[in-house]
Structure formats: C-alpha cells, structure tokens
Amino acid sequence: MKSAKPENEYIPIDLRISVRRDTLRLISEMAQDMGISINEVFSFLAEDSVIDLELLEDLNEIEIPNKCSLDDLKNALLKKKLC
C-alpha cells in the first residue's frame, strides 16, 4: 500500500509473536467479521496503539529549567493547554 508521504509508506515485516488461545480466537473472529486477514488486524492494532505517540513538536527546541516554582509549572502547562 502506497502513502502520499514516501517516509510513511507501509513496510512489510515478518514477526513471530505469542498470544493466548482466547486472544487468538477473538482476533480471528475480528478478522473474519471485518473480512481481512489476521496479519492486517495485528497491523491495525499496532498502528492504533502508537498513533498518539507521534511528537507534535520538536523536542530540541524545548528548554528545561534547573528549577521552577509550582506557579511557573502551572502557567507553562496552561500555556501549552496540557491541563
């Protein structure tokens, strides 16, 4: 499958994993219901589990102070809308 961004193209990899029998049964049923292969289910699960881990900003531009007050921390979090 091709992506609009070449660096984001799907790369096939062979994996060997172990899952419990009940887990395999559920994943197999899920694949059947969706009309896809078990490999595709695992691929979707892997992508969904890391989708939110993509960094929204460059960490190299972040300055970490040696110390700060609680108010400074609250203000920084509010400024970034993290809380």
Protein backbone atom coordinates (compact mmCIF):
# COMPACT_ATOMS: atom_id res chain seq x y z
CA MET A 1 0.00 0.00 0.00
CA LYS A 2 1.46 3.39 -1.02
CA SER A 3 1.23 6.52 1.10
CA ALA A 4 1.25 10.15 -0.02
CA LYS A 5 4.38 10.59 2.09
CA PRO A 6 7.16 8.20 0.98
CA GLU A 7 8.66 8.19 4.50
CA ASN A 8 5.27 6.97 5.80
CA GLU A 9 4.94 4.05 3.39
CA TYR A 10 3.95 0.64 4.72
CA ILE A 11 6.93 -1.66 5.24
CA PRO A 12 6.26 -5.41 5.48
CA ILE A 13 7.97 -7.16 8.39
CA ASP A 14 7.80 -10.77 9.49
CA LEU A 15 7.07 -11.14 13.19
CA ARG A 16 6.72 -14.09 15.47
CA ILE A 17 4.54 -13.36 18.49
CA SER A 18 2.83 -15.42 21.16
CA VAL A 19 -0.73 -14.78 22.27
CA ARG A 20 -3.10 -16.72 24.45
CA ARG A 21 -5.51 -19.10 22.75
CA ASP A 22 -8.52 -16.92 23.71
CA THR A 23 -6.80 -13.83 22.31
CA LEU A 24 -6.12 -15.57 19.01
CA ARG A 25 -9.74 -16.72 18.84
CA LEU A 26 -11.01 -13.17 19.36
CA ILE A 27 -8.58 -11.71 16.82
CA SER A 28 -9.52 -14.41 14.33
CA GLU A 29 -13.22 -13.62 14.82
CA MET A 30 -12.48 -9.91 14.44
CA ALA A 31 -10.62 -10.57 11.18
CA GLN A 32 -13.48 -12.70 9.86
CA ASP A 33 -16.08 -10.06 10.78
CA MET A 34 -14.02 -7.35 9.07
CA GLY A 35 -13.22 -9.51 6.04
CA ILE A 36 -9.46 -9.09 6.48
CA SER A 37 -6.51 -11.29 7.45
CA ILE A 38 -5.20 -11.79 10.96
CA ASN A 39 -1.98 -10.05 9.85
CA GLU A 40 -3.98 -6.97 8.91
CA VAL A 41 -5.74 -6.96 12.30
CA PHE A 42 -2.37 -7.04 14.06
CA SER A 43 -1.12 -4.27 11.77
CA PHE A 44 -4.13 -2.07 12.58
CA LEU A 45 -3.77 -2.80 16.31
CA ALA A 46 -0.07 -1.91 16.24
CA GLU A 47 -0.70 1.36 14.40
CA ASP A 48 -3.61 2.33 16.65
CA SER A 49 -1.54 1.68 19.77
CA VAL A 50 1.18 4.15 18.76
CA ILE A 51 -0.76 6.77 16.79
CA ASP A 52 -0.84 9.22 19.72
CA LEU A 53 2.87 8.83 20.39
CA GLU A 54 3.83 10.92 17.36
CA LEU A 55 5.50 14.09 18.59
CA LEU A 56 3.64 17.29 17.89
CA GLU A 57 6.68 19.48 18.31
CA ASP A 58 10.42 19.26 18.01
CA LEU A 59 11.88 18.35 21.40
CA ASN A 60 15.19 20.01 20.52
CA GLU A 61 13.52 23.42 20.89
CA ILE A 62 12.31 22.78 24.45
CA GLU A 63 14.30 24.33 27.27
CA ILE A 64 14.18 22.55 30.60
CA PRO A 65 15.00 24.82 33.55
CA ASN A 66 17.05 23.62 36.51
CA LYS A 67 14.17 24.55 38.83
CA CYS A 68 10.82 26.31 38.76
CA SER A 69 8.05 27.23 41.15
CA LEU A 70 4.73 25.43 41.23
CA ASP A 71 3.08 28.54 39.74
CA ASP A 72 5.61 28.60 36.90
CA LEU A 73 4.81 24.94 36.15
CA LYS A 74 1.04 25.57 36.22
CA ASN A 75 1.40 28.57 33.92
CA ALA A 76 3.57 26.62 31.48
CA LEU A 77 1.03 23.78 31.38
CA LEU A 78 -1.86 26.19 30.88
CA LYS A 79 0.08 27.96 28.13
CA LYS A 80 0.56 24.63 26.31
CA LYS A 81 -3.04 23.62 27.11
CA LEU A 82 -1.87 20.36 28.67
CA CYS A 83 -4.27 20.51 31.59
